[in-house]
């Protein structure tokens, strides 16, 4: 599912309903640029800065508040229950309401491009040694300084990720919040993972995988069990709910390669797959 985030939030209502049904206790909301104020709620929230730089102040709109903090796209704001937010400048805020409290010790703002404790950590969708991939909220303390098991997030440049999914049992839902996208960038998805794993030859190969162009400002919801692969040149905030589980990132390119080769032998169009990830089973 896809939404376009701007002054309006095209497609977000249906997307949020589907996400909240699948993840009881979580909520999803968009505060567009120019909102000026995010009111307090009775739950902790994680807010993703999107669109443009600006500043925020914690507190109620009618009370004295601390000095403003600069924020920019890619930053996270951790908002405790009962706390409102004043917003200046041009940022929009994608807000995830949480069913549990944030752990103590996390900073109120996490800035992956300004925090010396956050460094590039290749893996997942960006394996190259020089890959831009910064873990803002992580599952494992050895991977990053800020640990939370209710929601994980990493900001990554995706150029050619492997095809994978997260299982319904023990897996997680994922979002791609697109913050930059070069021309020609695209996302491949499929809900027909069981057929791919059984290597069933499709009657219509074009229907097995959906390929769609990707643009900055879009939000993609990738429920458990959905194949996904990013291509081109994207900077994406990857958001996992309830959080990344080791062993729940299951590659499909070895299956796609065998299906593609069988189709080619019958004179049918081949399927796209990640060459290196197709050589053996991949589970991360």
Protein backbone atom coordinates (compact mmCIF):
# COMPACT_ATOMS: atom_id res chain seq x y z
CA UNK A 1 0.00 0.00 0.00
CA UNK A 2 1.19 3.51 -0.79
CA UNK A 3 0.45 6.99 0.54
CA UNK A 4 1.70 10.37 -0.67
CA UNK A 5 2.61 12.72 2.16
CA UNK A 6 2.39 16.47 1.66
CA UNK A 7 -0.12 19.19 2.47
CA UNK A 8 -2.59 16.33 2.09
CA UNK A 9 -1.99 12.66 2.88
CA UNK A 10 -3.33 10.86 -0.15
CA UNK A 11 -3.98 7.20 0.65
CA UNK A 12 -2.89 7.40 4.28
CA UNK A 13 -6.28 6.75 5.87
CA UNK A 14 -6.69 3.30 4.29
CA UNK A 15 -3.02 2.49 4.86
CA UNK A 16 -3.26 3.44 8.55
CA UNK A 17 -6.40 1.36 9.03
CA UNK A 18 -4.72 -1.72 7.58
CA UNK A 19 -1.61 -1.20 9.72
CA UNK A 20 -3.54 -0.60 12.94
CA UNK A 21 -5.71 -3.71 12.38
CA UNK A 22 -2.58 -5.83 11.96
CA UNK A 23 -0.76 -4.23 14.92
CA UNK A 24 -3.19 -3.64 17.80
CA UNK A 25 -2.14 -0.80 20.08
CA UNK A 26 -0.18 1.10 17.43
CA UNK A 27 -1.47 4.19 15.63
CA UNK A 28 -0.28 6.11 12.58
CA UNK A 29 -0.88 9.80 11.80
CA UNK A 30 0.56 12.54 9.57
CA UNK A 31 1.10 16.14 10.66
CA UNK A 32 1.71 18.06 7.42
CA UNK A 33 4.10 21.00 6.98
CA UNK A 34 2.63 24.14 8.51
CA UNK A 35 0.67 22.31 11.21
CA UNK A 36 2.56 24.27 13.84
CA UNK A 37 1.46 22.11 16.72
CA UNK A 38 1.23 18.40 17.54
CA UNK A 39 -1.13 18.01 20.52
CA UNK A 40 -0.40 15.77 23.48
CA UNK A 41 -1.73 12.20 23.56
CA UNK A 42 -1.99 9.56 26.27
CA UNK A 43 0.71 7.39 24.68
CA UNK A 44 4.38 7.67 23.80
CA UNK A 45 5.08 8.38 20.12
CA UNK A 46 7.92 8.18 17.63
CA UNK A 47 7.81 10.96 15.00
CA UNK A 48 9.77 10.88 11.71
CA UNK A 49 10.80 14.26 10.28
CA UNK A 50 9.95 14.48 6.59
CA UNK A 51 10.03 17.06 3.83
CA UNK A 52 12.09 20.03 5.04
CA UNK A 53 14.21 21.29 7.91
CA UNK A 54 12.80 23.30 10.79
CA UNK A 55 12.71 23.46 14.55
CA UNK A 56 10.68 21.94 17.35
CA UNK A 57 9.89 22.82 20.96
CA UNK A 58 8.62 20.34 23.53
CA UNK A 59 5.77 21.34 25.82
CA UNK A 60 2.24 22.72 25.71
CA UNK A 61 1.46 25.48 23.25
CA UNK A 62 0.31 27.80 26.06
CA UNK A 63 3.26 27.28 28.41
CA UNK A 64 6.93 28.14 28.56
CA UNK A 65 8.95 25.62 26.55
CA UNK A 66 12.64 24.77 26.24
CA UNK A 67 14.88 26.27 23.61
CA UNK A 68 14.09 25.09 20.07
CA UNK A 69 15.88 22.10 18.59
CA UNK A 70 16.84 21.97 14.93
CA UNK A 71 15.49 19.00 12.97
CA UNK A 72 15.82 17.85 9.36
CA UNK A 73 14.54 14.97 7.23
CA UNK A 74 15.88 11.69 8.60
CA UNK A 75 15.64 12.76 12.24
CA UNK A 76 13.46 11.12 14.89
CA UNK A 77 11.53 12.85 17.66
CA UNK A 78 10.61 10.78 20.73
CA UNK A 79 7.53 12.29 22.31
CA UNK A 80 6.44 11.09 25.78
CA UNK A 81 2.79 10.69 26.66
CA UNK A 82 1.19 13.94 27.79
CA UNK A 83 3.69 16.10 25.88
CA UNK A 84 2.77 18.38 22.99
CA UNK A 85 5.12 19.65 20.29
CA UNK A 86 5.42 23.03 18.63
CA UNK A 87 6.81 22.93 15.10
CA UNK A 88 8.40 25.80 13.17
CA UNK A 89 9.50 25.87 9.57
CA UNK A 90 8.67 23.34 6.90
CA UNK A 91 8.87 19.80 8.31
CA UNK A 92 6.06 17.30 8.25
CA UNK A 93 5.91 14.62 10.94
CA UNK A 94 4.88 10.98 10.54
CA UNK A 95 3.79 9.84 14.01
CA UNK A 96 3.65 6.27 15.29
CA UNK A 97 1.73 5.88 18.54
CA UNK A 98 3.07 3.05 20.69
CA UNK A 99 1.34 0.46 22.87
CA UNK A 100 4.21 0.55 25.39
CA UNK A 101 6.41 3.21 26.93
CA UNK A 102 9.71 4.19 25.40
CA UNK A 103 12.63 2.95 27.51
CA UNK A 104 14.50 5.44 29.70
CA UNK A 105 17.78 6.87 28.48
CA UNK A 106 16.83 7.58 24.87
CA UNK A 107 17.46 11.15 23.66
CA UNK A 108 14.41 13.27 22.77
CA UNK A 109 15.76 13.77 19.23
CA UNK A 110 17.85 11.25 17.29
CA UNK A 111 19.80 12.73 14.37
CA UNK A 112 21.54 10.02 12.31
CA UNK A 113 23.66 12.51 10.35
CA UNK A 114 24.75 14.52 13.41
CA UNK A 115 25.11 12.01 16.25
CA UNK A 116 28.70 10.70 16.59
CA UNK A 117 27.35 7.54 18.26
CA UNK A 118 25.57 6.55 15.01
CA UNK A 119 27.89 5.33 12.26
CA UNK A 120 27.34 3.48 9.01
CA UNK A 121 26.40 -0.18 9.57
CA UNK A 122 26.23 -2.08 6.25
CA UNK A 123 23.70 -4.88 6.05
CA UNK A 124 20.15 -5.66 5.01
CA UNK A 125 19.34 -3.64 1.89
CA UNK A 126 22.83 -2.08 1.65
CA UNK A 127 25.65 -4.58 2.07
CA UNK A 128 28.55 -2.65 0.52
CA UNK A 129 31.33 -1.60 2.88
CA UNK A 130 30.79 2.04 1.91
CA UNK A 131 27.01 1.87 2.24
CA UNK A 132 25.07 4.65 3.94
CA UNK A 133 22.98 2.79 6.56
CA UNK A 134 22.44 4.31 9.99
CA UNK A 135 20.53 2.59 12.78
CA UNK A 136 18.41 5.04 14.77
CA UNK A 137 16.43 2.59 16.91
CA UNK A 138 17.73 -0.96 16.91
CA UNK A 139 16.82 -4.37 18.31
CA UNK A 140 20.32 -5.38 19.42
CA UNK A 141 22.60 -3.20 21.60
CA UNK A 142 25.71 -4.38 19.78
CA UNK A 143 24.33 -2.82 16.59
CA UNK A 144 23.65 0.70 17.83
CA UNK A 145 23.37 2.92 20.91
CA UNK A 146 19.59 3.35 21.00
CA UNK A 147 17.65 0.15 21.66
CA UNK A 148 13.88 -0.30 21.54
CA UNK A 149 11.88 -3.47 20.83
CA UNK A 150 8.62 -1.75 19.99
CA UNK A 151 9.77 -0.06 16.76
CA UNK A 152 13.06 -0.06 14.89
CA UNK A 153 14.27 2.37 12.23
CA UNK A 154 17.29 2.75 10.01
CA UNK A 155 18.02 5.33 7.34
CA UNK A 156 19.60 3.75 4.28
CA UNK A 157 20.57 4.41 0.68
CA UNK A 158 19.11 1.59 -1.44
CA UNK A 159 20.51 0.96 -4.90
CA UNK A 160 19.92 -2.76 -5.48
CA UNK A 161 18.53 -4.65 -2.53
CA UNK A 162 17.87 -8.37 -2.46
CA UNK A 163 14.29 -9.68 -2.74
CA UNK A 164 13.00 -10.72 0.67
CA UNK A 165 10.04 -10.86 3.03
CA UNK A 166 9.34 -11.03 6.75
CA UNK A 167 7.21 -13.99 7.89
CA UNK A 168 3.85 -13.72 9.63
CA UNK A 169 5.09 -15.82 12.57
CA UNK A 170 7.95 -14.08 14.35
CA UNK A 171 8.33 -11.39 11.71
CA UNK A 172 7.38 -7.74 11.47
CA UNK A 173 5.64 -5.21 9.29
CA UNK A 174 7.82 -2.70 7.49
CA UNK A 175 7.46 0.80 6.06
CA UNK A 176 9.58 2.59 3.49
CA UNK A 177 9.38 6.34 4.10
CA UNK A 178 11.02 7.73 0.96
CA UNK A 179 13.12 10.84 1.59
CA UNK A 180 14.99 11.04 -1.73
CA UNK A 181 14.65 9.17 -5.02
CA UNK A 182 16.60 9.53 -8.25
CA UNK A 183 14.78 9.24 -11.56
CA UNK A 184 14.12 5.61 -12.44
CA UNK A 185 14.00 4.36 -8.85
CA UNK A 186 11.44 1.65 -8.28
CA UNK A 187 10.06 -0.86 -5.82
CA UNK A 188 9.30 -4.49 -6.63
CA UNK A 189 6.65 -6.22 -4.48
CA UNK A 190 4.58 -9.40 -4.48
CA UNK A 191 2.02 -11.02 -2.20
CA UNK A 192 2.49 -14.40 -3.91
CA UNK A 193 5.38 -15.55 -1.72
CA UNK A 194 4.05 -19.13 -1.20
CA UNK A 195 3.99 -19.67 -4.97
CA UNK A 196 7.50 -18.26 -5.31
CA UNK A 197 8.83 -20.50 -2.54
CA UNK A 198 7.24 -23.54 -4.24
CA UNK A 199 8.70 -22.31 -7.54
CA UNK A 200 5.36 -22.53 -9.29
CA UNK A 201 5.60 -21.30 -12.88
CA UNK A 202 3.05 -18.50 -13.33
CA UNK A 203 0.72 -18.50 -16.31
CA UNK A 204 1.31 -14.76 -16.56
CA UNK A 205 4.90 -14.01 -15.42
CA UNK A 206 4.22 -10.26 -15.41
CA UNK A 207 1.59 -10.75 -12.69
CA UNK A 208 3.95 -12.42 -10.22
CA UNK A 209 5.94 -9.27 -9.37
CA UNK A 210 4.62 -5.70 -9.28
CA UNK A 211 7.06 -2.95 -10.28
CA UNK A 212 6.21 0.65 -9.45
CA UNK A 213 8.14 3.92 -9.67
CA UNK A 214 9.14 5.54 -6.39
CA UNK A 215 9.25 9.25 -5.55
CA UNK A 216 10.31 11.29 -2.54
CA UNK A 217 7.46 11.94 -0.12
CA UNK A 218 5.86 8.52 -0.54
CA UNK A 219 5.17 6.03 2.23
CA UNK A 220 4.98 2.31 1.46
CA UNK A 221 3.43 -0.18 3.87
CA UNK A 222 4.88 -3.70 3.47
CA UNK A 223 2.95 -6.11 5.69
CA UNK A 224 4.45 -9.37 6.91
CA UNK A 225 4.62 -11.87 4.08
CA UNK A 226 5.11 -9.29 1.30
CA UNK A 227 8.13 -9.63 -1.00
CA UNK A 228 9.94 -6.33 -1.52
CA UNK A 229 13.07 -5.10 -3.30
CA UNK A 230 14.28 -1.55 -3.93
CA UNK A 231 16.20 -0.50 -7.06
CA UNK A 232 17.70 2.73 -8.36
CA UNK A 233 18.94 5.31 -5.89
CA UNK A 234 16.70 5.85 -2.87
CA UNK A 235 17.22 7.28 0.59
CA UNK A 236 14.64 5.59 2.75
CA UNK A 237 13.71 5.54 6.39
CA UNK A 238 13.01 1.83 6.94
CA UNK A 239 10.61 1.40 9.85
CA UNK A 240 9.97 -2.04 11.40
CA UNK A 241 7.01 -2.73 13.69
CA UNK A 242 7.28 -4.16 16.28
CA UNK A 243 10.98 -4.27 15.50
CA UNK A 244 13.58 -6.25 13.57
CA UNK A 245 13.81 -9.91 14.58
CA UNK A 246 17.03 -11.72 13.70
CA UNK A 247 16.28 -14.58 11.32
CA UNK A 248 13.10 -12.93 10.01
CA UNK A 249 14.54 -11.47 6.79
CA UNK A 250 14.09 -14.28 4.28
CA UNK A 251 15.54 -14.03 0.79
CA UNK A 252 13.67 -15.17 -2.31
CA UNK A 253 16.13 -14.52 -5.14
CA UNK A 254 17.29 -18.16 -5.36
CA UNK A 255 13.66 -19.14 -5.99
CA UNK A 256 13.13 -16.29 -8.45
CA UNK A 257 16.25 -17.30 -10.36
CA UNK A 258 15.05 -20.89 -10.80
CA UNK A 259 11.58 -19.72 -11.87
CA UNK A 260 13.15 -17.25 -14.30
CA UNK A 261 15.43 -19.90 -15.80
CA UNK A 262 12.50 -22.28 -16.24
CA UNK A 263 10.48 -19.55 -17.94
CA UNK A 264 13.38 -18.65 -20.24
CA UNK A 265 13.72 -22.32 -21.25
CA UNK A 266 10.11 -22.15 -22.41
CA UNK A 267 10.67 -18.93 -24.35
CA UNK A 268 8.90 -16.80 -21.74
CA UNK A 269 10.13 -13.44 -20.41
CA UNK A 270 12.51 -13.80 -17.44
CA UNK A 271 11.88 -12.35 -13.99
CA UNK A 272 14.10 -9.77 -12.25
CA UNK A 273 16.20 -11.04 -9.37
CA UNK A 274 19.29 -10.02 -7.42
CA UNK A 275 22.21 -11.90 -8.97
CA UNK A 276 24.46 -12.28 -5.91
CA UNK A 277 21.60 -13.14 -3.56
CA UNK A 278 20.32 -15.82 -5.99
CA UNK A 279 23.35 -18.09 -5.58
CA UNK A 280 22.22 -19.56 -2.23
CA UNK A 281 19.47 -19.29 0.35
CA UNK A 282 19.70 -16.00 2.30
CA UNK A 283 18.30 -15.58 5.81
CA UNK A 284 19.27 -12.62 8.01
